[in-house]
Amino acid sequence: MRGILLAGLPFTVLSLAAAAPAAADETPSPSPSSTVSTAGTSFLTATAVEPGQPVRVSGSTGDYLYWSFDAAAGETDRLAFTITLPPSGSRHGPATWTVDVFDGLRRRQACVAGSQTATAAAGDAAVKLHCLLRQVRSWADPWSDEPLPGTYYVRLSATGLPEQDLGLAVRTDLAITARKGDPQPDNANLKAPLSPAVDPGTTVAPQAAGPSSDPSSGPSSEAGPLERASGWFSWPSTRWWWTIGGGALAAAMGVAGYSLTRHPRRWFSSR
């Protein structure tokens, strides 16, 4: 019995080794990103979209549609809209559509290329909008409006159309593409300091200023604290003359002010 088990062991090992690749091949591959079919109506309810993820939303003319996407440093994002308009028979005039992009601080980001605003004539079946954003920087000055890494918000709206066309059904297709780039353009190396180094003087090391080997050498010429303090009370000096003159002038002004306030008639009475 033991011989039969030992004889069948190699076949069992081979069968398990052959089944392992088959099991690995049967592992389901990650499915592509699903199509986004919703849109928010404000910044707080904006629908999150990943770059490269298709978006197709059905809505009404006059609604504000919001989406959000994340951008990393070095990316250059591009937005492409295709708005399928209602049949021309149900429209009453041209319609103007606009796309706006905001960063996480709700600062409007300008498009450097593309038609950010387009007007569709009454007979047009669709209108297309494009917006190429600036490259996202890894840092920026607080006072600037440079794009920084984070979440960006996209708003699509109809800014001008006849009032009778409000509420008509439209379909919006959005494609967001992100092009990777260098997060630090031009290597971001500072070749020279922005301001020269401030180095007014150097300090002598204590070892270099050791005690003098000559015992007859006198004390240092630098004045000590007591000597500097005694210089303030030396007589005569300009400090004393200014102090005496200021005191005499203050006393005279005090006497004159007292006489003026206590006996005003003596000063201003007519003789």
Protein backbone atom coordinates (compact mmCIF):
# COMPACT_ATOMS: atom_id res chain seq x y z
CA MET A 1 0.00 0.00 0.00
CA ARG A 2 2.87 2.30 0.90
CA GLY A 3 4.49 1.58 -2.46
CA ILE A 4 1.36 2.55 -4.34
CA LEU A 5 1.21 5.91 -2.52
CA LEU A 6 4.89 6.65 -3.16
CA ALA A 7 4.49 5.73 -6.82
CA GLY A 8 1.53 8.07 -7.26
CA LEU A 9 3.19 11.02 -5.53
CA PRO A 10 5.22 12.24 -8.58
CA PHE A 11 2.10 12.22 -10.75
CA THR A 12 0.24 14.27 -8.16
CA VAL A 13 3.01 16.88 -7.99
CA LEU A 14 3.14 17.16 -11.80
CA SER A 15 -0.61 17.58 -12.04
CA LEU A 16 -0.62 20.37 -9.45
CA ALA A 17 2.26 22.17 -11.22
CA ALA A 18 0.39 21.98 -14.52
CA ALA A 19 -2.82 23.27 -12.95
CA ALA A 20 -1.12 26.32 -11.40
CA PRO A 21 -0.59 28.22 -14.71
CA ALA A 22 -4.11 27.36 -15.77
CA ALA A 23 -5.47 28.84 -12.56
CA ALA A 24 -3.37 31.97 -13.09
CA ASP A 25 -4.69 32.34 -16.63
CA GLU A 26 -8.25 32.16 -15.35
CA THR A 27 -7.74 35.21 -13.08
CA PRO A 28 -10.03 37.94 -14.43
CA SER A 29 -8.15 40.96 -15.81
CA PRO A 30 -9.15 44.41 -14.56
CA SER A 31 -12.00 45.81 -16.59
CA PRO A 32 -11.60 49.22 -18.23
CA SER A 33 -13.04 52.28 -16.55
CA SER A 34 -16.81 52.40 -16.82
CA THR A 35 -18.60 55.29 -18.46
CA VAL A 36 -19.69 58.06 -16.14
CA SER A 37 -23.35 58.92 -16.66
CA THR A 38 -23.92 61.49 -13.92
CA ALA A 39 -22.90 65.05 -13.15
CA GLY A 40 -23.14 67.22 -10.09
CA THR A 41 -25.00 70.49 -9.74
CA SER A 42 -22.45 72.31 -7.53
CA PHE A 43 -18.87 72.14 -6.34
CA LEU A 44 -19.87 69.96 -3.40
CA THR A 45 -21.73 67.43 -5.53
CA ALA A 46 -19.32 67.33 -8.48
CA THR A 47 -18.89 63.85 -9.97
CA ALA A 48 -15.32 62.52 -9.77
CA VAL A 49 -13.82 61.51 -13.12
CA GLU A 50 -10.45 59.96 -13.89
CA PRO A 51 -8.42 61.15 -16.89
CA GLY A 52 -9.18 58.86 -19.81
CA GLN A 53 -12.54 57.77 -18.38
CA PRO A 54 -15.43 58.35 -20.82
CA VAL A 55 -18.27 60.59 -19.71
CA ARG A 56 -21.72 60.70 -21.29
CA VAL A 57 -24.44 62.57 -19.43
CA SER A 58 -28.00 63.38 -20.42
CA GLY A 59 -29.35 66.62 -19.05
CA SER A 60 -31.43 69.68 -19.73
CA THR A 61 -30.53 72.98 -21.31
CA GLY A 62 -29.88 75.56 -18.63
CA ASP A 63 -28.47 73.17 -16.02
CA TYR A 64 -25.04 73.62 -14.50
CA LEU A 65 -23.04 70.41 -14.78
CA TYR A 66 -20.02 69.83 -12.52
CA TRP A 67 -17.23 67.26 -12.65
CA SER A 68 -13.96 66.96 -10.74
CA PHE A 69 -10.64 65.30 -11.52
CA ASP A 70 -7.25 65.03 -9.84
CA ALA A 71 -4.10 66.47 -11.40
CA ALA A 72 -0.52 65.76 -10.32
CA ALA A 73 2.56 67.92 -10.68
CA GLY A 74 3.89 68.00 -14.23
CA GLU A 75 0.57 67.12 -15.91
CA THR A 76 -1.02 69.11 -18.70
CA ASP A 77 -4.75 68.39 -18.89
CA ARG A 78 -7.00 68.82 -21.88
CA LEU A 79 -10.80 68.85 -21.86
CA ALA A 80 -12.93 68.07 -24.89
CA PHE A 81 -16.72 68.50 -24.88
CA THR A 82 -19.23 67.41 -27.48
CA ILE A 83 -22.74 68.64 -26.77
CA THR A 84 -25.52 67.05 -28.82
CA LEU A 85 -28.27 69.63 -29.13
CA PRO A 86 -32.04 69.11 -29.42
CA PRO A 87 -33.60 68.92 -32.88
CA SER A 88 -33.49 72.21 -34.71
CA GLY A 89 -37.27 72.25 -34.99
CA SER A 90 -37.67 72.57 -31.23
CA ARG A 91 -35.12 75.38 -30.80
CA HIS A 92 -35.80 79.07 -31.17
CA GLY A 93 -32.36 80.55 -31.73
CA PRO A 94 -28.62 80.22 -31.22
CA ALA A 95 -27.20 78.97 -27.92
CA THR A 96 -23.85 79.80 -26.32
CA TRP A 97 -22.05 77.20 -24.22
CA THR A 98 -19.12 77.82 -21.89
CA VAL A 99 -16.76 75.58 -19.93
CA ASP A 100 -15.04 76.89 -16.78
CA VAL A 101 -12.28 75.21 -14.78
CA PHE A 102 -11.53 75.94 -11.10
CA ASP A 103 -8.88 74.67 -8.74
CA GLY A 104 -9.39 73.48 -5.17
CA LEU A 105 -9.47 77.08 -3.90
CA ARG A 106 -12.25 77.93 -6.39
CA ARG A 107 -9.85 80.05 -8.42
CA ARG A 108 -10.73 80.13 -12.08
CA GLN A 109 -8.06 78.59 -14.30
CA ALA A 110 -7.71 80.06 -17.77
CA CYS A 111 -7.48 77.93 -20.88
CA VAL A 112 -4.30 78.53 -22.86
CA ALA A 113 -5.70 76.99 -26.04
CA GLY A 114 -9.01 75.82 -27.43
CA SER A 115 -12.49 77.24 -27.79
CA GLN A 116 -13.68 77.71 -24.22
CA THR A 117 -16.90 79.33 -25.43
CA ALA A 118 -18.81 78.39 -28.58
CA THR A 119 -22.12 79.44 -30.08
CA ALA A 120 -24.33 76.95 -31.88
CA ALA A 121 -26.64 78.25 -34.57
CA ALA A 122 -30.26 77.28 -34.63
CA GLY A 123 -29.62 74.59 -37.25
CA ASP A 124 -26.50 73.02 -35.69
CA ALA A 125 -26.81 69.49 -34.37
CA ALA A 126 -23.86 69.66 -31.96
CA VAL A 127 -21.28 72.04 -30.55
CA LYS A 128 -17.73 71.28 -29.44
CA LEU A 129 -15.62 72.91 -26.74
CA HIS A 130 -11.93 72.47 -25.98
CA CYS A 131 -9.80 73.67 -23.11
CA LEU A 132 -6.07 73.13 -22.67
CA LEU A 133 -4.95 73.98 -19.15
CA ARG A 134 -1.56 75.13 -18.00
CA GLN A 135 0.96 72.63 -16.72
CA VAL A 136 0.51 71.83 -13.06
CA ARG A 137 3.43 73.10 -11.01
CA SER A 138 4.90 71.47 -7.94
CA TRP A 139 5.02 74.81 -6.07
CA ALA A 140 4.00 78.42 -6.54
CA ASP A 141 4.11 81.73 -4.73
CA PRO A 142 1.14 82.42 -2.41
CA TRP A 143 0.13 85.51 -4.38
CA SER A 144 0.09 83.78 -7.77
CA ASP A 145 -2.69 81.75 -9.36
CA GLU A 146 -0.44 79.03 -10.78
CA PRO A 147 -2.07 75.58 -11.00
CA LEU A 148 -0.96 73.28 -8.18
CA PRO A 149 -1.50 69.54 -7.61
CA GLY A 150 -4.94 68.68 -6.31
CA THR A 151 -8.56 68.49 -7.36
CA TYR A 152 -9.91 70.57 -10.23
CA TYR A 153 -13.55 71.29 -10.99
CA VAL A 154 -15.14 71.56 -14.42
CA ARG A 155 -18.40 73.42 -15.00
CA LEU A 156 -20.42 73.34 -18.20
CA SER A 157 -23.25 75.79 -18.69
CA ALA A 158 -25.35 77.47 -21.34
CA THR A 159 -24.67 81.17 -20.93
CA GLY A 160 -26.87 82.52 -23.67
CA LEU A 161 -29.98 81.02 -25.28
CA PRO A 162 -33.64 81.90 -25.82
CA GLU A 163 -35.81 81.50 -22.75
CA GLN A 164 -38.12 79.12 -24.66
CA ASP A 165 -35.25 76.65 -25.04
CA LEU A 166 -34.71 76.16 -21.31
CA GLY A 167 -35.35 72.57 -20.27
CA LEU A 168 -34.74 70.93 -23.66
CA ALA A 169 -32.88 67.62 -23.50
CA VAL A 170 -29.17 67.61 -24.41
CA ARG A 171 -26.41 65.02 -24.26
CA THR A 172 -22.88 65.87 -23.15
CA ASP A 173 -19.76 63.84 -23.92
CA LEU A 174 -16.60 64.73 -22.01
CA ALA A 175 -13.06 63.42 -22.50
CA ILE A 176 -10.25 64.39 -20.12
CA THR A 177 -6.70 63.57 -21.18
CA ALA A 178 -3.59 64.12 -19.08
CA ARG A 179 -0.13 64.42 -20.60
CA LYS A 180 2.71 63.63 -18.22
CA GLY A 181 5.60 66.03 -18.02
CA ASP A 182 8.50 67.14 -15.91
CA PRO A 183 7.22 68.39 -12.53
CA GLN A 184 10.21 70.72 -12.40
CA PRO A 185 10.56 72.51 -15.75
CA ASP A 186 14.10 73.41 -16.83
CA ASN A 187 15.40 71.13 -14.07
CA ALA A 188 14.47 73.87 -11.58
CA ASN A 189 18.13 74.46 -10.73
CA LEU A 190 19.02 77.87 -9.33
CA LYS A 191 22.30 78.76 -11.05
CA ALA A 192 22.96 81.80 -8.87
CA PRO A 193 21.42 83.08 -5.62
CA LEU A 194 18.57 85.53 -6.00
CA SER A 195 20.31 87.89 -3.56
CA PRO A 196 24.02 88.06 -2.70
CA ALA A 197 25.12 86.45 0.53
CA VAL A 198 25.33 88.88 3.41
CA ASP A 199 28.80 88.50 4.98
CA PRO A 200 29.85 91.83 6.50
CA GLY A 201 32.79 90.37 8.45
CA THR A 202 34.34 87.31 9.96
CA THR A 203 34.94 86.36 13.57
CA VAL A 204 38.44 85.49 14.75
CA ALA A 205 38.62 82.02 16.23
CA PRO A 206 39.38 81.93 19.99
CA GLN A 207 42.50 79.82 19.35
CA ALA A 208 43.91 82.46 16.99
CA ALA A 209 43.44 85.23 19.58
CA GLY A 210 45.31 83.55 22.44
CA PRO A 211 47.02 85.39 25.31
CA SER A 212 50.03 87.48 24.38
CA SER A 213 53.41 85.97 25.14
CA ASP A 214 54.85 89.40 25.99
CA PRO A 215 54.23 90.05 29.74
CA SER A 216 54.96 93.74 29.31
CA SER A 217 52.15 94.23 26.88
CA GLY A 218 49.47 96.52 28.25
CA PRO A 219 45.73 95.85 28.48
CA SER A 220 43.53 95.73 25.42
CA SER A 221 42.60 99.00 23.81
CA GLU A 222 38.94 98.02 23.76
CA ALA A 223 36.95 99.93 26.36
CA GLY A 224 35.24 97.92 29.05
CA PRO A 225 31.67 98.34 30.33
CA LEU A 226 32.70 100.66 33.20
CA GLU A 227 34.75 102.88 30.92
CA ARG A 228 31.89 103.17 28.44
CA ALA A 229 29.49 104.04 31.27
CA SER A 230 31.81 106.70 32.71
CA GLY A 231 31.98 108.38 29.31
CA TRP A 232 28.33 109.37 29.67
CA PHE A 233 29.05 111.37 32.84
CA SER A 234 32.32 113.03 31.78
CA TRP A 235 32.47 116.82 32.21
CA PRO A 236 32.34 118.95 30.19
CA SER A 237 30.61 117.30 27.23
CA THR A 238 27.96 118.20 24.69
CA ARG A 239 25.51 115.93 26.45
CA TRP A 240 25.68 118.11 29.58
CA TRP A 241 25.25 121.37 27.64
CA TRP A 242 22.20 120.03 25.81
CA THR A 243 20.72 118.76 29.05
CA ILE A 244 21.22 122.07 30.88
CA GLY A 245 19.86 124.09 27.95
CA GLY A 246 16.78 121.86 27.61
CA GLY A 247 16.07 122.05 31.33
CA ALA A 248 16.32 125.86 31.38
CA LEU A 249 14.04 126.16 28.36
CA ALA A 250 11.49 123.81 29.91
CA ALA A 251 11.51 125.82 33.17
CA ALA A 252 10.99 129.10 31.30
CA MET A 253 8.11 127.64 29.30
CA GLY A 254 6.54 126.32 32.49
CA VAL A 255 6.65 129.71 34.22
CA ALA A 256 5.27 131.45 31.17
CA GLY A 257 2.45 128.95 30.87
CA TYR A 258 1.55 129.30 34.54
CA SER A 259 1.44 133.10 34.32
CA LEU A 260 -0.67 132.95 31.18
CA THR A 261 -3.27 130.63 32.70
CA ARG A 262 -3.47 132.24 36.17
CA HIS A 263 -3.50 135.88 35.06
CA PRO A 264 -4.85 136.02 31.51
CA ARG A 265 -6.10 139.65 31.87
CA ARG A 266 -2.61 140.85 32.58
CA TRP A 267 -1.52 139.58 29.21
CA PHE A 268 -4.51 140.37 26.99
CA SER A 269 -6.16 143.38 28.70
CA SER A 270 -6.18 146.57 26.70
CA ARG A 271 -4.59 149.57 28.35
